[in-house]
Amino acid sequence: MGYDNIPYITKERIIMKLEINDTFTIGYFAKKHNKRIYRKGKWTELSREWVSKSGDKLLTYYDLVNEGYRTAKGQYTIIAVGGNNAQ
């Protein structure tokens, strides 16, 4: 039995620019919890994607549930919730 009828699916990366007040869900591995976590976030004037002095990829965002800024380190996934009008 062959696998010729199974389609080959590639993972696509969609690049998007977050704007002030955009809301999203972010998932990343949190060393503190030793597991992948998901947070509801908001892009603000203080949010940014940057690289640490030690070369780690970081993303700082506003956590809507805990009402404070958090920083994701390493690989993360952002699921867009909506634009400026999202609640």
PDB file of N, CA and C in Angstrom:
ATOM      1  N   MET A   1       0.848  -1.181   0.000  1.00  0.00           N
ATOM      2  CA  MET A   1       0.000   0.000   0.000  1.00  0.00           C
ATOM      3  C   MET A   1       0.890   1.238   0.000  1.00  0.00           C
ATOM      4  N   GLY A   2       0.715   2.096  -0.963  1.00  0.00           N
ATOM      5  CA  GLY A   2       1.546   3.297  -1.092  1.00  0.00           C
ATOM      6  C   GLY A   2       0.906   4.516  -0.462  1.00  0.00           C
ATOM      7  N   TYR A   3       1.694   5.567  -0.418  1.00  0.00           N
ATOM      8  CA  TYR A   3       1.225   6.828   0.147  1.00  0.00           C
ATOM      9  C   TYR A   3       1.144   7.909  -0.921  1.00  0.00           C
ATOM     10  N   ASP A   4       0.936   7.518  -2.167  1.00  0.00           N
ATOM     11  CA  ASP A   4       0.918   8.468  -3.277  1.00  0.00           C
ATOM     12  C   ASP A   4      -0.270   9.426  -3.218  1.00  0.00           C
ATOM     13  N   ASN A   5      -1.352   9.039  -2.555  1.00  0.00           N
ATOM     14  CA  ASN A   5      -2.546   9.883  -2.544  1.00  0.00           C
ATOM     15  C   ASN A   5      -2.579  10.874  -1.382  1.00  0.00           C
ATOM     16  N   ILE A   6      -1.532  10.887  -0.545  1.00  0.00           N
ATOM     17  CA  ILE A   6      -1.474  11.821   0.578  1.00  0.00           C
ATOM     18  C   ILE A   6      -0.792  13.110   0.116  1.00  0.00           C
ATOM     19  N   PRO A   7      -1.476  14.237   0.238  1.00  0.00           N
ATOM     20  CA  PRO A   7      -0.859  15.499  -0.221  1.00  0.00           C
ATOM     21  C   PRO A   7       0.310  15.900   0.671  1.00  0.00           C
ATOM     22  N   TYR A   8       1.277  16.544   0.068  1.00  0.00           N
ATOM     23  CA  TYR A   8       2.427  17.047   0.794  1.00  0.00           C
ATOM     24  C   TYR A   8       2.099  18.461   1.240  1.00  0.00           C
ATOM     25  N   ILE A   9       2.144  18.699   2.529  1.00  0.00           N
ATOM     26  CA  ILE A   9       1.786  20.010   3.079  1.00  0.00           C
ATOM     27  C   ILE A   9       3.038  20.662   3.646  1.00  0.00           C
ATOM     28  N   THR A  10       3.286  21.881   3.233  1.00  0.00           N
ATOM     29  CA  THR A  10       4.432  22.609   3.778  1.00  0.00           C
ATOM     30  C   THR A  10       3.934  23.625   4.791  1.00  0.00           C
ATOM     31  N   LYS A  11       4.772  23.932   5.742  1.00  0.00           N
ATOM     32  CA  LYS A  11       4.429  24.919   6.767  1.00  0.00           C
ATOM     33  C   LYS A  11       4.778  26.299   6.219  1.00  0.00           C
ATOM     34  N   GLU A  12       3.789  27.167   6.147  1.00  0.00           N
ATOM     35  CA  GLU A  12       4.015  28.521   5.638  1.00  0.00           C
ATOM     36  C   GLU A  12       4.187  29.486   6.797  1.00  0.00           C
ATOM     37  N   ARG A  13       5.052  30.444   6.598  1.00  0.00           N
ATOM     38  CA  ARG A  13       5.260  31.490   7.602  1.00  0.00           C
ATOM     39  C   ARG A  13       4.656  32.773   7.067  1.00  0.00           C
ATOM     40  N   ILE A  14       3.765  33.324   7.816  1.00  0.00           N
ATOM     41  CA  ILE A  14       3.112  34.565   7.414  1.00  0.00           C
ATOM     42  C   ILE A  14       3.722  35.700   8.224  1.00  0.00           C
ATOM     43  N   ILE A  15       4.227  36.681   7.525  1.00  0.00           N
ATOM     44  CA  ILE A  15       4.820  37.841   8.179  1.00  0.00           C
ATOM     45  C   ILE A  15       3.758  38.930   8.262  1.00  0.00           C
ATOM     46  N   MET A  16       3.558  39.449   9.469  1.00  0.00           N
ATOM     47  CA  MET A  16       2.597  40.538   9.618  1.00  0.00           C
ATOM     48  C   MET A  16       3.176  41.586  10.555  1.00  0.00           C
ATOM     49  N   LYS A  17       2.725  42.780  10.366  1.00  0.00           N
ATOM     50  CA  LYS A  17       3.181  43.873  11.222  1.00  0.00           C
ATOM     51  C   LYS A  17       2.102  44.148  12.259  1.00  0.00           C
ATOM     52  N   LEU A  18       2.475  44.038  13.525  1.00  0.00           N
ATOM     53  CA  LEU A  18       1.531  44.368  14.583  1.00  0.00           C
ATOM     54  C   LEU A  18       1.485  45.880  14.748  1.00  0.00           C
ATOM     55  N   GLU A  19       0.293  46.398  14.942  1.00  0.00           N
ATOM     56  CA  GLU A  19       0.105  47.827  15.134  1.00  0.00           C
ATOM     57  C   GLU A  19      -0.383  48.088  16.555  1.00  0.00           C
ATOM     58  N   ILE A  20      -0.241  49.304  17.001  1.00  0.00           N
ATOM     59  CA  ILE A  20      -0.667  49.690  18.345  1.00  0.00           C
ATOM     60  C   ILE A  20      -2.118  49.258  18.568  1.00  0.00           C
ATOM     61  N   ASN A  21      -2.382  48.639  19.711  1.00  0.00           N
ATOM     62  CA  ASN A  21      -3.688  48.132  20.145  1.00  0.00           C
ATOM     63  C   ASN A  21      -4.114  46.824  19.494  1.00  0.00           C
ATOM     64  N   ASP A  22      -3.296  46.223  18.625  1.00  0.00           N
ATOM     65  CA  ASP A  22      -3.620  44.896  18.095  1.00  0.00           C
ATOM     66  C   ASP A  22      -3.569  43.898  19.240  1.00  0.00           C
ATOM     67  N   THR A  23      -4.524  42.969  19.259  1.00  0.00           N
ATOM     68  CA  THR A  23      -4.537  41.926  20.273  1.00  0.00           C
ATOM     69  C   THR A  23      -4.238  40.589  19.622  1.00  0.00           C
ATOM     70  N   PHE A  24      -3.675  39.668  20.405  1.00  0.00           N
ATOM     71  CA  PHE A  24      -3.235  38.385  19.864  1.00  0.00           C
ATOM     72  C   PHE A  24      -3.070  37.381  20.993  1.00  0.00           C
ATOM     73  N   THR A  25      -2.909  36.131  20.608  1.00  0.00           N
ATOM     74  CA  THR A  25      -2.510  35.082  21.542  1.00  0.00           C
ATOM     75  C   THR A  25      -1.094  34.701  21.171  1.00  0.00           C
ATOM     76  N   ILE A  26      -0.218  34.607  22.173  1.00  0.00           N
ATOM     77  CA  ILE A  26       1.167  34.243  21.926  1.00  0.00           C
ATOM     78  C   ILE A  26       1.463  32.947  22.675  1.00  0.00           C
ATOM     79  N   GLY A  27       2.163  32.053  22.013  1.00  0.00           N
ATOM     80  CA  GLY A  27       2.567  30.800  22.632  1.00  0.00           C
ATOM     81  C   GLY A  27       4.074  30.665  22.565  1.00  0.00           C
ATOM     82  N   TYR A  28       4.684  30.254  23.672  1.00  0.00           N
ATOM     83  CA  TYR A  28       6.129  30.058  23.716  1.00  0.00           C
ATOM     84  C   TYR A  28       6.493  29.182  24.902  1.00  0.00           C
ATOM     85  N   PHE A  29       7.705  28.608  24.859  1.00  0.00           N
ATOM     86  CA  PHE A  29       8.177  27.787  25.963  1.00  0.00           C
ATOM     87  C   PHE A  29       8.662  28.692  27.072  1.00  0.00           C
ATOM     88  N   ALA A  30       8.067  28.550  28.254  1.00  0.00           N
ATOM     89  CA  ALA A  30       8.459  29.370  29.403  1.00  0.00           C
ATOM     90  C   ALA A  30       9.330  28.523  30.330  1.00  0.00           C
ATOM     91  N   LYS A  31      10.560  28.939  30.465  1.00  0.00           N
ATOM     92  CA  LYS A  31      11.499  28.227  31.338  1.00  0.00           C
ATOM     93  C   LYS A  31      10.968  28.161  32.774  1.00  0.00           C
ATOM     94  N   LYS A  32      10.343  29.248  33.221  1.00  0.00           N
ATOM     95  CA  LYS A  32       9.808  29.337  34.579  1.00  0.00           C
ATOM     96  C   LYS A  32       8.792  28.219  34.863  1.00  0.00           C
ATOM     97  N   HIS A  33       7.957  27.896  33.864  1.00  0.00           N
ATOM     98  CA  HIS A  33       6.914  26.885  34.012  1.00  0.00           C
ATOM     99  C   HIS A  33       7.328  25.526  33.450  1.00  0.00           C
ATOM    100  N   ASN A  34       8.469  25.508  32.745  1.00  0.00           N
ATOM    101  CA  ASN A  34       8.998  24.297  32.106  1.00  0.00           C
ATOM    102  C   ASN A  34       7.990  23.666  31.139  1.00  0.00           C
ATOM    103  N   LYS A  35       7.254  24.513  30.428  1.00  0.00           N
ATOM    104  CA  LYS A  35       6.303  24.040  29.426  1.00  0.00           C
ATOM    105  C   LYS A  35       5.923  25.190  28.491  1.00  0.00           C
ATOM    106  N   ARG A  36       5.235  24.836  27.411  1.00  0.00           N
ATOM    107  CA  ARG A  36       4.747  25.846  26.476  1.00  0.00           C
ATOM    108  C   ARG A  36       3.515  26.491  27.092  1.00  0.00           C
ATOM    109  N   ILE A  37       3.485  27.820  27.081  1.00  0.00           N
ATOM    110  CA  ILE A  37       2.353  28.552  27.628  1.00  0.00           C
ATOM    111  C   ILE A  37       1.740  29.439  26.561  1.00  0.00           C
ATOM    112  N   TYR A  38       0.518  29.839  26.798  1.00  0.00           N
ATOM    113  CA  TYR A  38      -0.202  30.729  25.893  1.00  0.00           C
ATOM    114  C   TYR A  38      -0.726  31.903  26.699  1.00  0.00           C
ATOM    115  N   ARG A  39      -0.562  33.093  26.159  1.00  0.00           N
ATOM    116  CA  ARG A  39      -1.001  34.311  26.831  1.00  0.00           C
ATOM    117  C   ARG A  39      -1.790  35.178  25.850  1.00  0.00           C
ATOM    118  N   LYS A  40      -2.746  35.937  26.381  1.00  0.00           N
ATOM    119  CA  LYS A  40      -3.460  36.931  25.581  1.00  0.00           C
ATOM    120  C   LYS A  40      -2.676  38.222  25.698  1.00  0.00           C
ATOM    121  N   GLY A  41      -2.267  38.762  24.567  1.00  0.00           N
ATOM    122  CA  GLY A  41      -1.424  39.937  24.583  1.00  0.00           C
ATOM    123  C   GLY A  41      -1.962  41.087  23.764  1.00  0.00           C
ATOM    124  N   LYS A  42      -1.318  42.225  23.966  1.00  0.00           N
ATOM    125  CA  LYS A  42      -1.667  43.442  23.228  1.00  0.00           C
ATOM    126  C   LYS A  42      -0.361  44.141  22.844  1.00  0.00           C
ATOM    127  N   TRP A  43      -0.323  44.651  21.627  1.00  0.00           N
ATOM    128  CA  TRP A  43       0.831  45.402  21.144  1.00  0.00           C
ATOM    129  C   TRP A  43       0.649  46.859  21.540  1.00  0.00           C
ATOM    130  N   THR A  44       1.632  47.419  22.255  1.00  0.00           N
ATOM    131  CA  THR A  44       1.554  48.811  22.712  1.00  0.00           C
ATOM    132  C   THR A  44       2.785  49.586  22.243  1.00  0.00           C
ATOM    133  N   GLU A  45       2.860  50.831  22.670  1.00  0.00           N
ATOM    134  CA  GLU A  45       4.017  51.672  22.320  1.00  0.00           C
ATOM    135  C   GLU A  45       5.310  51.111  22.911  1.00  0.00           C
ATOM    136  N   LEU A  46       5.201  50.348  24.003  1.00  0.00           N
ATOM    137  CA  LEU A  46       6.387  49.786  24.660  1.00  0.00           C
ATOM    138  C   LEU A  46       6.727  48.373  24.178  1.00  0.00           C
ATOM    139  N   SER A  47       5.862  47.798  23.358  1.00  0.00           N
ATOM    140  CA  SER A  47       6.120  46.453  22.829  1.00  0.00           C
ATOM    141  C   SER A  47       7.205  46.512  21.764  1.00  0.00           C
ATOM    142  N   ARG A  48       7.993  45.430  21.689  1.00  0.00           N
ATOM    143  CA  ARG A  48       9.048  45.404  20.669  1.00  0.00           C
ATOM    144  C   ARG A  48       9.594  44.000  20.492  1.00  0.00           C
ATOM    145  N   GLU A  49      10.137  43.759  19.317  1.00  0.00           N
ATOM    146  CA  GLU A  49      10.888  42.543  19.041  1.00  0.00           C
ATOM    147  C   GLU A  49      12.346  42.962  18.997  1.00  0.00           C
ATOM    148  N   TRP A  50      13.208  42.237  19.707  1.00  0.00           N
ATOM    149  CA  TRP A  50      14.596  42.648  19.815  1.00  0.00           C
ATOM    150  C   TRP A  50      15.492  41.459  20.096  1.00  0.00           C
ATOM    151  N   VAL A  51      16.785  41.718  20.108  1.00  0.00           N
ATOM    152  CA  VAL A  51      17.781  40.684  20.366  1.00  0.00           C
ATOM    153  C   VAL A  51      18.574  41.094  21.606  1.00  0.00           C
ATOM    154  N   SER A  52      18.706  40.155  22.553  1.00  0.00           N
ATOM    155  CA  SER A  52      19.437  40.436  23.786  1.00  0.00           C
ATOM    156  C   SER A  52      20.932  40.529  23.508  1.00  0.00           C
ATOM    157  N   LYS A  53      21.673  41.005  24.482  1.00  0.00           N
ATOM    158  CA  LYS A  53      23.130  41.098  24.343  1.00  0.00           C
ATOM    159  C   LYS A  53      23.761  39.737  24.120  1.00  0.00           C
ATOM    160  N   SER A  54      23.114  38.687  24.643  1.00  0.00           N
ATOM    161  CA  SER A  54      23.651  37.331  24.467  1.00  0.00           C
ATOM    162  C   SER A  54      23.154  36.676  23.170  1.00  0.00           C
ATOM    163  N   GLY A  55      22.372  37.426  22.366  1.00  0.00           N
ATOM    164  CA  GLY A  55      21.938  36.937  21.053  1.00  0.00           C
ATOM    165  C   GLY A  55      20.600  36.219  21.027  1.00  0.00           C
ATOM    166  N   ASP A  56      19.839  36.275  22.127  1.00  0.00           N
ATOM    167  CA  ASP A  56      18.535  35.628  22.164  1.00  0.00           C
ATOM    168  C   ASP A  56      17.472  36.511  21.517  1.00  0.00           C
ATOM    169  N   LYS A  57      16.586  35.896  20.736  1.00  0.00           N
ATOM    170  CA  LYS A  57      15.471  36.596  20.113  1.00  0.00           C
ATOM    171  C   LYS A  57      14.391  36.798  21.176  1.00  0.00           C
ATOM    172  N   LEU A  58      13.937  38.044  21.377  1.00  0.00           N
ATOM    173  CA  LEU A  58      12.959  38.382  22.407  1.00  0.00           C
ATOM    174  C   LEU A  58      11.796  39.163  21.829  1.00  0.00           C
ATOM    175  N   LEU A  59      10.632  39.029  22.470  1.00  0.00           N
ATOM    176  CA  LEU A  59       9.467  39.821  22.096  1.00  0.00           C
ATOM    177  C   LEU A  59       8.796  40.284  23.387  1.00  0.00           C
ATOM    178  N   THR A  60       8.721  41.592  23.570  1.00  0.00           N
ATOM    179  CA  THR A  60       8.073  42.170  24.748  1.00  0.00           C
ATOM    180  C   THR A  60       6.674  42.623  24.347  1.00  0.00           C
ATOM    181  N   TYR A  61       5.679  42.232  25.144  1.00  0.00           N
ATOM    182  CA  TYR A  61       4.277  42.532  24.851  1.00  0.00           C
ATOM    183  C   TYR A  61       3.537  42.785  26.157  1.00  0.00           C
ATOM    184  N   TYR A  62       2.333  43.341  26.074  1.00  0.00           N
ATOM    185  CA  TYR A  62       1.513  43.577  27.260  1.00  0.00           C
ATOM    186  C   TYR A  62       0.588  42.388  27.467  1.00  0.00           C
ATOM    187  N   ASP A  63       0.655  41.760  28.628  1.00  0.00           N
ATOM    188  CA  ASP A  63      -0.181  40.613  28.985  1.00  0.00           C
ATOM    189  C   ASP A  63      -1.527  41.136  29.489  1.00  0.00           C
ATOM    190  N   LEU A  64      -2.593  40.824  28.758  1.00  0.00           N
ATOM    191  CA  LEU A  64      -3.922  41.336  29.103  1.00  0.00           C
ATOM    192  C   LEU A  64      -4.506  40.709  30.363  1.00  0.00           C
ATOM    193  N   VAL A  65      -4.168  39.469  30.667  1.00  0.00           N
ATOM    194  CA  VAL A  65      -4.718  38.794  31.837  1.00  0.00           C
ATOM    195  C   VAL A  65      -3.996  39.233  33.114  1.00  0.00           C
ATOM    196  N   ASN A  66      -2.669  39.225  33.077  1.00  0.00           N
ATOM    197  CA  ASN A  66      -1.881  39.593  34.261  1.00  0.00           C
ATOM    198  C   ASN A  66      -1.604  41.090  34.367  1.00  0.00           C
ATOM    199  N   GLU A  67      -2.060  41.833  33.377  1.00  0.00           N
ATOM    200  CA  GLU A  67      -1.940  43.289  33.352  1.00  0.00           C
ATOM    201  C   GLU A  67      -0.521  43.777  33.615  1.00  0.00           C
ATOM    202  N   GLY A  68       0.378  43.322  32.777  1.00  0.00           N
ATOM    203  CA  GLY A  68       1.772  43.749  32.876  1.00  0.00           C
ATOM    204  C   GLY A  68       2.548  43.287  31.659  1.00  0.00           C
ATOM    205  N   TYR A  69       3.749  43.781  31.533  1.00  0.00           N
ATOM    206  CA  TYR A  69       4.578  43.415  30.382  1.00  0.00           C
ATOM    207  C   TYR A  69       5.295  42.095  30.633  1.00  0.00           C
ATOM    208  N   ARG A  70       5.396  41.297  29.581  1.00  0.00           N
ATOM    209  CA  ARG A  70       6.093  40.017  29.591  1.00  0.00           C
ATOM    210  C   ARG A  70       7.024  39.988  28.390  1.00  0.00           C
ATOM    211  N   THR A  71       8.039  39.137  28.467  1.00  0.00           N
ATOM    212  CA  THR A  71       8.964  38.972  27.354  1.00  0.00           C
ATOM    213  C   THR A  71       9.080  37.502  27.013  1.00  0.00           C
ATOM    214  N   ALA A  72       8.775  37.169  25.757  1.00  0.00           N
ATOM    215  CA  ALA A  72       8.928  35.807  25.253  1.00  0.00           C
ATOM    216  C   ALA A  72      10.339  35.673  24.700  1.00  0.00           C
ATOM    217  N   LYS A  73      10.960  34.526  24.958  1.00  0.00           N
ATOM    218  CA  LYS A  73      12.331  34.290  24.519  1.00  0.00           C
ATOM    219  C   LYS A  73      12.364  33.096  23.579  1.00  0.00           C
ATOM    220  N   GLY A  74      13.115  33.221  22.505  1.00  0.00           N
ATOM    221  CA  GLY A  74      13.260  32.110  21.560  1.00  0.00           C
ATOM    222  C   GLY A  74      12.121  32.069  20.567  1.00  0.00           C
ATOM    223  N   GLN A  75      11.737  30.852  20.185  1.00  0.00           N
ATOM    224  CA  GLN A  75      10.668  30.697  19.205  1.00  0.00           C
ATOM    225  C   GLN A  75       9.319  30.939  19.853  1.00  0.00           C
ATOM    226  N   TYR A  76       8.473  31.655  19.160  1.00  0.00           N
ATOM    227  CA  TYR A  76       7.122  31.904  19.641  1.00  0.00           C
ATOM    228  C   TYR A  76       6.170  31.901  18.464  1.00  0.00           C
ATOM    229  N   THR A  77       4.895  31.701  18.754  1.00  0.00           N
ATOM    230  CA  THR A  77       3.840  31.704  17.749  1.00  0.00           C
ATOM    231  C   THR A  77       2.824  32.762  18.140  1.00  0.00           C
ATOM    232  N   ILE A  78       2.469  33.602  17.183  1.00  0.00           N
ATOM    233  CA  ILE A  78       1.455  34.627  17.435  1.00  0.00           C
ATOM    234  C   ILE A  78       0.222  34.301  16.587  1.00  0.00           C
ATOM    235  N   ILE A  79      -0.918  34.256  17.254  1.00  0.00           N
ATOM    236  CA  ILE A  79      -2.180  34.040  16.574  1.00  0.00           C
ATOM    237  C   ILE A  79      -2.950  35.356  16.675  1.00  0.00           C
ATOM    238  N   ALA A  80      -3.151  35.998  15.546  1.00  0.00           N
ATOM    239  CA  ALA A  80      -3.818  37.305  15.527  1.00  0.00           C
ATOM    240  C   ALA A  80      -5.281  37.151  15.927  1.00  0.00           C
ATOM    241  N   VAL A  81      -5.741  38.048  16.794  1.00  0.00           N
ATOM    242  CA  VAL A  81      -7.123  38.051  17.226  1.00  0.00           C
ATOM    243  C   VAL A  81      -7.908  39.043  16.397  1.00  0.00           C
ATOM    244  N   GLY A  82      -7.312  40.152  16.077  1.00  0.00           N
ATOM    245  CA  GLY A  82      -7.995  41.157  15.298  1.00  0.00           C
ATOM    246  C   GLY A  82      -7.218  42.450  15.318  1.00  0.00           C
ATOM    247  N   GLY A  83      -7.735  43.423  14.640  1.00  0.00           N
ATOM    248  CA  GLY A  83      -7.082  44.718  14.554  1.00  0.00           C
ATOM    249  C   GLY A  83      -7.425  45.597  15.732  1.00  0.00           C
ATOM    250  N   ASN A  84      -7.357  46.885  15.515  1.00  0.00           N
ATOM    251  CA  ASN A  84      -7.556  47.869  16.581  1.00  0.00           C
ATOM    252  C   ASN A  84      -8.947  47.806  17.216  1.00  0.00           C
ATOM    253  N   ASN A  85      -9.901  47.239  16.527  1.00  0.00           N
ATOM    254  CA  ASN A  85     -11.272  47.196  17.053  1.00  0.00           C
ATOM    255  C   ASN A  85     -11.576  45.931  17.825  1.00  0.00           C
ATOM    256  N   ALA A  86     -10.616  45.011  17.944  1.00  0.00           N
ATOM    257  CA  ALA A  86     -10.862  43.751  18.662  1.00  0.00           C
ATOM    258  C   ALA A  86     -10.991  44.016  20.159  1.00  0.00           C
ATOM    259  N   GLN A  87     -11.839  43.270  20.802  1.00  0.00           N
ATOM    260  CA  GLN A  87     -12.039  43.420  22.242  1.00  0.00           C
ATOM    261  C   GLN A  87     -11.395  42.267  22.968  1.00  0.00           C
TER     262      GLN A  87
END
